């Protein structure tokens, strides 16, 4: 029998501690299981990139093979005609990086203004921003394409970068974060010291918002990197194709039997996102936790 002691209220301290230990153990086991379940698809994709088509069709394994160099050679050799996978990766990197930087900075400015400045239409503007989040992108596609035609921006990167300036979801998240993490007294003290409004935002508010900026930066970059719907409507030139469109071409009739080549292309597609996540992942929990707290 487990030894138990009674506290001042007559509660059994030993049994309570044992129950807490069992709960913690169960939570740890569950977290490990969910982590393995999340990583497993990526690992299978990487392993299949190192295997031949025959090996992929015959069995499923978690042990890498030695065919990655061969698959990569076929991918690079056949990509010189209809597409260039590294050129498309560069295109996606330009679009994703530009849209992420512009979207984050403009969203932080909008959220900062909604929290710091007091004006009559502040609540109405915030309600309008939240309402825009409910409108699907597909609803405005036809009008957006016609607008881009009138501006002669079809087959350019601008229609994929400039709309990122208006990011309602990012504004909503940043506003919630600022309300809990940015004391307005610091802003007032900065103004008294003679700092300009943009100086206060760039030198004081923005560094405080860094965890939330990093968190939203991951989401914005991944969303832009994986976007295939709008680039397929805007981009026509082969040398301007983005990586998701090229990956879709890998699944065409030309590569149906080359499963190893397809997985190799998918691995190259996911690799930049994994790098971004590894460098910025430490901010996710901090950003989400602080963003949900309001003083």
Protein backbone atom coordinates (compact mmCIF):
# COMPACT_ATOMS: atom_id res chain seq x y z
CA UNK A 1 0.00 0.00 0.00
CA UNK A 2 1.18 3.50 -0.82
CA UNK A 3 1.97 5.63 2.17
CA UNK A 4 -0.34 8.58 2.62
CA UNK A 5 -0.29 11.60 4.88
CA UNK A 6 -3.04 13.99 5.86
CA UNK A 7 -2.73 17.75 5.49
CA UNK A 8 -4.43 20.36 7.66
CA UNK A 9 -7.75 19.80 5.87
CA UNK A 10 -7.60 16.02 6.24
CA UNK A 11 -6.83 15.37 2.54
CA UNK A 12 -4.66 12.44 1.48
CA UNK A 13 -1.58 14.08 0.03
CA UNK A 14 0.10 10.87 -1.17
CA UNK A 15 -2.82 9.67 -3.30
CA UNK A 16 -3.26 13.16 -4.77
CA UNK A 17 0.41 13.35 -5.79
CA UNK A 18 0.22 9.88 -7.33
CA UNK A 19 -2.82 10.94 -9.36
CA UNK A 20 -1.01 14.03 -10.62
CA UNK A 21 1.99 11.90 -11.63
CA UNK A 22 -0.27 9.50 -13.57
CA UNK A 23 -1.91 12.43 -15.38
CA UNK A 24 1.44 13.93 -16.33
CA UNK A 25 2.69 10.57 -17.61
CA UNK A 26 -0.44 10.13 -19.72
CA UNK A 27 -0.10 13.67 -21.13
CA UNK A 28 3.55 13.06 -22.02
CA UNK A 29 2.73 9.78 -23.76
CA UNK A 30 -0.10 11.46 -25.66
CA UNK A 31 2.18 14.34 -26.75
CA UNK A 32 4.86 11.92 -27.96
CA UNK A 33 2.24 9.93 -29.90
CA UNK A 34 0.81 13.05 -31.53
CA UNK A 35 4.31 14.28 -32.38
CA UNK A 36 5.17 11.00 -34.08
CA UNK A 37 1.82 11.06 -35.90
CA UNK A 38 2.55 14.57 -37.18
CA UNK A 39 6.13 13.85 -38.27
CA UNK A 40 5.39 10.46 -39.86
CA UNK A 41 3.93 11.75 -43.19
CA UNK A 42 6.91 14.05 -43.73
CA UNK A 43 9.34 11.26 -42.93
CA UNK A 44 7.60 8.85 -45.32
CA UNK A 45 7.77 11.52 -48.05
CA UNK A 46 11.52 12.03 -47.48
CA UNK A 47 12.14 8.27 -47.41
CA UNK A 48 10.19 7.74 -50.65
CA UNK A 49 12.31 10.45 -52.28
CA UNK A 50 15.30 8.15 -51.75
CA UNK A 51 13.59 5.07 -53.25
CA UNK A 52 12.86 3.90 -56.77
CA UNK A 53 9.36 3.63 -58.21
CA UNK A 54 9.44 -0.18 -57.95
CA UNK A 55 10.39 -0.05 -54.27
CA UNK A 56 7.61 2.45 -53.53
CA UNK A 57 5.02 0.27 -55.23
CA UNK A 58 6.16 -2.95 -53.57
CA UNK A 59 6.31 -1.95 -49.91
CA UNK A 60 6.18 0.78 -47.29
CA UNK A 61 9.27 1.35 -45.16
CA UNK A 62 10.71 3.96 -42.84
CA UNK A 63 14.33 3.22 -43.80
CA UNK A 64 15.86 5.48 -46.49
CA UNK A 65 17.26 3.95 -49.68
CA UNK A 66 20.03 5.08 -52.04
CA UNK A 67 18.09 6.39 -55.06
CA UNK A 68 17.81 10.07 -54.11
CA UNK A 69 20.65 11.19 -56.40
CA UNK A 70 19.11 9.24 -59.29
CA UNK A 71 15.65 10.73 -58.69
CA UNK A 72 17.09 14.23 -58.41
CA UNK A 73 19.04 13.74 -61.65
CA UNK A 74 15.89 12.71 -63.52
CA UNK A 75 13.97 15.62 -62.03
CA UNK A 76 16.59 18.19 -63.04
CA UNK A 77 17.11 16.65 -66.47
CA UNK A 78 13.43 16.65 -67.37
CA UNK A 79 12.68 20.03 -65.81
CA UNK A 80 14.65 21.99 -68.37
CA UNK A 81 11.89 21.80 -71.00
CA UNK A 82 8.45 22.42 -69.55
CA UNK A 83 9.59 23.91 -66.24
CA UNK A 84 12.62 24.68 -64.10
CA UNK A 85 12.06 23.58 -60.53
CA UNK A 86 14.76 25.80 -59.05
CA UNK A 87 13.51 28.82 -60.99
CA UNK A 88 10.00 28.13 -59.75
CA UNK A 89 11.35 27.78 -56.22
CA UNK A 90 13.00 31.20 -56.56
CA UNK A 91 9.71 32.65 -57.84
CA UNK A 92 7.82 31.24 -54.87
CA UNK A 93 10.50 32.55 -52.51
CA UNK A 94 10.24 36.07 -53.95
CA UNK A 95 6.45 36.09 -53.76
CA UNK A 96 6.21 34.50 -50.31
CA UNK A 97 8.91 36.66 -48.71
CA UNK A 98 7.61 39.92 -50.18
CA UNK A 99 3.97 39.24 -49.33
CA UNK A 100 4.88 38.10 -45.80
CA UNK A 101 6.99 41.18 -45.02
CA UNK A 102 4.45 43.64 -46.46
CA UNK A 103 1.50 41.87 -44.86
CA UNK A 104 3.08 41.69 -41.42
CA UNK A 105 4.22 45.31 -41.33
CA UNK A 106 0.92 46.75 -42.60
CA UNK A 107 -1.10 44.50 -40.28
CA UNK A 108 1.00 45.53 -37.28
CA UNK A 109 0.46 49.18 -38.19
CA UNK A 110 -3.30 48.70 -38.48
CA UNK A 111 -3.53 46.76 -35.21
CA UNK A 112 -1.36 49.35 -33.44
CA UNK A 113 -3.62 52.15 -34.65
CA UNK A 114 -6.77 50.31 -33.51
CA UNK A 115 -5.37 49.92 -29.99
CA UNK A 116 -3.38 53.11 -29.40
CA UNK A 117 -5.43 55.80 -31.15
CA UNK A 118 -8.86 56.88 -29.97
CA UNK A 119 -11.23 57.90 -32.77
CA UNK A 120 -14.96 57.62 -33.42
CA UNK A 121 -14.96 54.94 -36.09
CA UNK A 122 -12.45 52.67 -34.38
CA UNK A 123 -15.00 50.01 -33.38
CA UNK A 124 -16.70 50.19 -36.78
CA UNK A 125 -13.38 49.74 -38.58
CA UNK A 126 -12.48 46.76 -36.42
CA UNK A 127 -15.89 45.19 -37.07
CA UNK A 128 -15.41 45.74 -40.80
CA UNK A 129 -11.99 44.07 -40.72
CA UNK A 130 -13.38 41.07 -38.86
CA UNK A 131 -16.31 40.86 -41.30
CA UNK A 132 -13.91 40.66 -44.26
CA UNK A 133 -12.50 37.47 -42.75
CA UNK A 134 -15.86 35.80 -43.45
CA UNK A 135 -15.69 36.43 -47.22
CA UNK A 136 -14.12 33.53 -49.19
CA UNK A 137 -11.38 34.38 -51.64
CA UNK A 138 -13.23 32.67 -54.50
CA UNK A 139 -16.13 35.13 -54.25
CA UNK A 140 -13.98 38.08 -55.35
CA UNK A 141 -11.80 36.21 -57.83
CA UNK A 142 -13.59 37.32 -61.02
CA UNK A 143 -13.58 40.99 -60.03
CA UNK A 144 -9.96 40.78 -58.93
CA UNK A 145 -8.87 39.23 -62.25
CA UNK A 146 -10.72 41.92 -64.21
CA UNK A 147 -9.07 44.59 -62.09
CA UNK A 148 -5.62 43.12 -62.74
CA UNK A 149 -6.35 43.07 -66.48
CA UNK A 150 -7.28 46.74 -66.39
CA UNK A 151 -3.99 47.51 -64.59
CA UNK A 152 -1.97 45.32 -67.01
CA UNK A 153 -0.68 43.23 -64.10
CA UNK A 154 -1.56 39.81 -65.47
CA UNK A 155 1.46 37.49 -65.72
CA UNK A 156 3.35 39.48 -63.09
CA UNK A 157 4.11 38.91 -59.42
CA UNK A 158 2.36 42.07 -58.21
CA UNK A 159 -1.18 40.59 -57.96
CA UNK A 160 0.27 37.90 -55.69
CA UNK A 161 2.18 40.34 -53.47
CA UNK A 162 0.16 43.54 -53.10
CA UNK A 163 -3.12 41.96 -51.80
CA UNK A 164 -1.14 40.63 -48.84
CA UNK A 165 -1.07 44.19 -47.46
CA UNK A 166 -4.72 43.67 -46.46
CA UNK A 167 -4.58 40.67 -44.10
CA UNK A 168 -7.64 40.78 -41.79
CA UNK A 169 -6.74 37.63 -39.85
CA UNK A 170 -3.28 38.98 -39.07
CA UNK A 171 -4.72 42.34 -37.97
CA UNK A 172 -7.16 40.52 -35.66
CA UNK A 173 -4.39 38.44 -34.08
CA UNK A 174 -1.99 41.35 -33.68
CA UNK A 175 -4.68 43.52 -32.09
CA UNK A 176 -5.36 40.85 -29.47
CA UNK A 177 -1.64 40.53 -28.81
CA UNK A 178 -1.03 44.28 -28.48
CA UNK A 179 -3.85 44.69 -25.99
CA UNK A 180 -2.17 42.27 -23.61
CA UNK A 181 1.52 42.94 -24.27
CA UNK A 182 1.91 46.66 -24.99
CA UNK A 183 1.34 49.07 -22.06
CA UNK A 184 -0.02 52.35 -23.37
CA UNK A 185 2.05 54.18 -20.75
CA UNK A 186 5.18 53.34 -22.76
CA UNK A 187 3.66 54.98 -25.83
CA UNK A 188 2.76 58.10 -23.86
CA UNK A 189 6.25 58.29 -22.36
CA UNK A 190 7.76 58.00 -25.82
CA UNK A 191 5.64 60.88 -27.09
CA UNK A 192 6.63 63.04 -24.13
CA UNK A 193 10.29 62.35 -24.91
CA UNK A 194 9.72 63.72 -28.41
CA UNK A 195 9.71 60.49 -30.41
CA UNK A 196 7.66 60.52 -33.62
CA UNK A 197 4.68 58.22 -34.11
CA UNK A 198 6.53 56.01 -36.58
CA UNK A 199 9.57 56.08 -34.34
CA UNK A 200 7.48 54.88 -31.40
CA UNK A 201 6.01 52.10 -33.49
CA UNK A 202 9.28 50.94 -35.06
CA UNK A 203 11.55 51.27 -32.02
CA UNK A 204 9.22 50.41 -29.14
CA UNK A 205 6.01 48.67 -30.23
CA UNK A 206 7.40 46.46 -32.99
CA UNK A 207 10.14 44.82 -30.85
CA UNK A 208 7.53 44.03 -28.19
CA UNK A 209 5.34 42.46 -30.88
CA UNK A 210 8.18 40.28 -32.20
CA UNK A 211 6.86 36.91 -30.88
CA UNK A 212 3.48 37.51 -32.50
CA UNK A 213 5.13 38.78 -35.68
CA UNK A 214 7.21 35.61 -35.91
CA UNK A 215 4.16 33.43 -35.31
CA UNK A 216 2.09 35.13 -37.97
CA UNK A 217 5.13 35.21 -40.25
CA UNK A 218 5.23 31.41 -40.29
CA UNK A 219 1.53 31.18 -41.10
CA UNK A 220 1.70 33.88 -43.80
CA UNK A 221 4.80 32.42 -45.44
CA UNK A 222 3.40 28.88 -45.53
CA UNK A 223 0.06 30.11 -46.88
CA UNK A 224 1.71 32.08 -49.66
CA UNK A 225 4.18 29.30 -50.44
CA UNK A 226 1.42 26.70 -50.80
CA UNK A 227 -0.94 28.97 -52.74
CA UNK A 228 -1.73 27.46 -56.11
CA UNK A 229 -5.22 28.82 -56.82
CA UNK A 230 -4.39 32.46 -57.56
CA UNK A 231 -0.99 31.94 -59.26
CA UNK A 232 -2.59 29.47 -61.68
CA UNK A 233 -5.01 32.24 -62.74
CA UNK A 234 -2.47 35.08 -62.86
CA UNK A 235 0.77 33.53 -64.14
CA UNK A 236 1.00 32.37 -67.76
CA UNK A 237 4.73 32.37 -68.55
CA UNK A 238 6.67 29.19 -67.87
CA UNK A 239 9.61 31.05 -66.31
CA UNK A 240 7.26 32.73 -63.79
CA UNK A 241 5.49 29.59 -62.57
CA UNK A 242 5.50 29.05 -58.82
CA UNK A 243 6.53 25.85 -57.10
CA UNK A 244 3.02 24.47 -56.33
CA UNK A 245 2.15 24.66 -60.03
CA UNK A 246 5.35 22.80 -60.93
CA UNK A 247 4.58 20.14 -58.31
CA UNK A 248 1.17 19.70 -59.88
CA UNK A 249 2.92 19.10 -63.23
CA UNK A 250 4.92 16.33 -61.59
CA UNK A 251 1.67 14.40 -61.17
CA UNK A 252 0.88 14.60 -64.89
CA UNK A 253 1.06 11.64 -67.28
CA UNK A 254 4.76 12.25 -67.88
CA UNK A 255 5.70 11.37 -64.29
CA UNK A 256 2.94 8.90 -63.32
CA UNK A 257 5.38 5.99 -63.21
CA UNK A 258 8.24 7.97 -61.64
CA UNK A 259 6.98 8.03 -58.07
CA UNK A 260 10.46 8.57 -56.68
CA UNK A 261 10.86 11.70 -58.82
CA UNK A 262 7.49 13.00 -57.65
CA UNK A 263 8.42 12.51 -53.99
CA UNK A 264 11.78 14.15 -54.65
CA UNK A 265 10.00 17.24 -55.99
CA UNK A 266 7.63 17.26 -53.02
CA UNK A 267 10.59 17.10 -50.65
CA UNK A 268 12.20 20.11 -52.32
CA UNK A 269 8.87 21.91 -51.98
CA UNK A 270 8.55 21.29 -48.25
CA UNK A 271 12.21 21.94 -47.40
CA UNK A 272 12.06 25.80 -47.32
CA UNK A 273 8.98 25.70 -45.09
CA UNK A 274 10.71 23.37 -42.67
CA UNK A 275 13.71 25.71 -42.51
CA UNK A 276 11.48 28.72 -41.77
CA UNK A 277 9.60 26.76 -39.12
CA UNK A 278 12.77 25.54 -37.41
CA UNK A 279 14.15 29.08 -37.05
CA UNK A 280 10.87 30.66 -35.90
CA UNK A 281 9.08 27.83 -34.08
CA UNK A 282 10.27 28.96 -30.63
CA UNK A 283 8.03 32.02 -30.96
CA UNK A 284 4.82 30.10 -31.71
CA UNK A 285 3.82 29.09 -28.18
CA UNK A 286 4.88 32.42 -26.71
CA UNK A 287 3.07 34.37 -29.42
CA UNK A 288 -0.17 32.40 -29.22
CA UNK A 289 -0.20 32.39 -25.40
CA UNK A 290 0.44 36.12 -25.01
CA UNK A 291 -1.88 36.96 -27.88
CA UNK A 292 -4.77 35.33 -26.07
CA UNK A 293 -4.25 37.31 -22.83
CA UNK A 294 -5.96 40.65 -22.38
CA UNK A 295 -5.41 42.92 -19.45
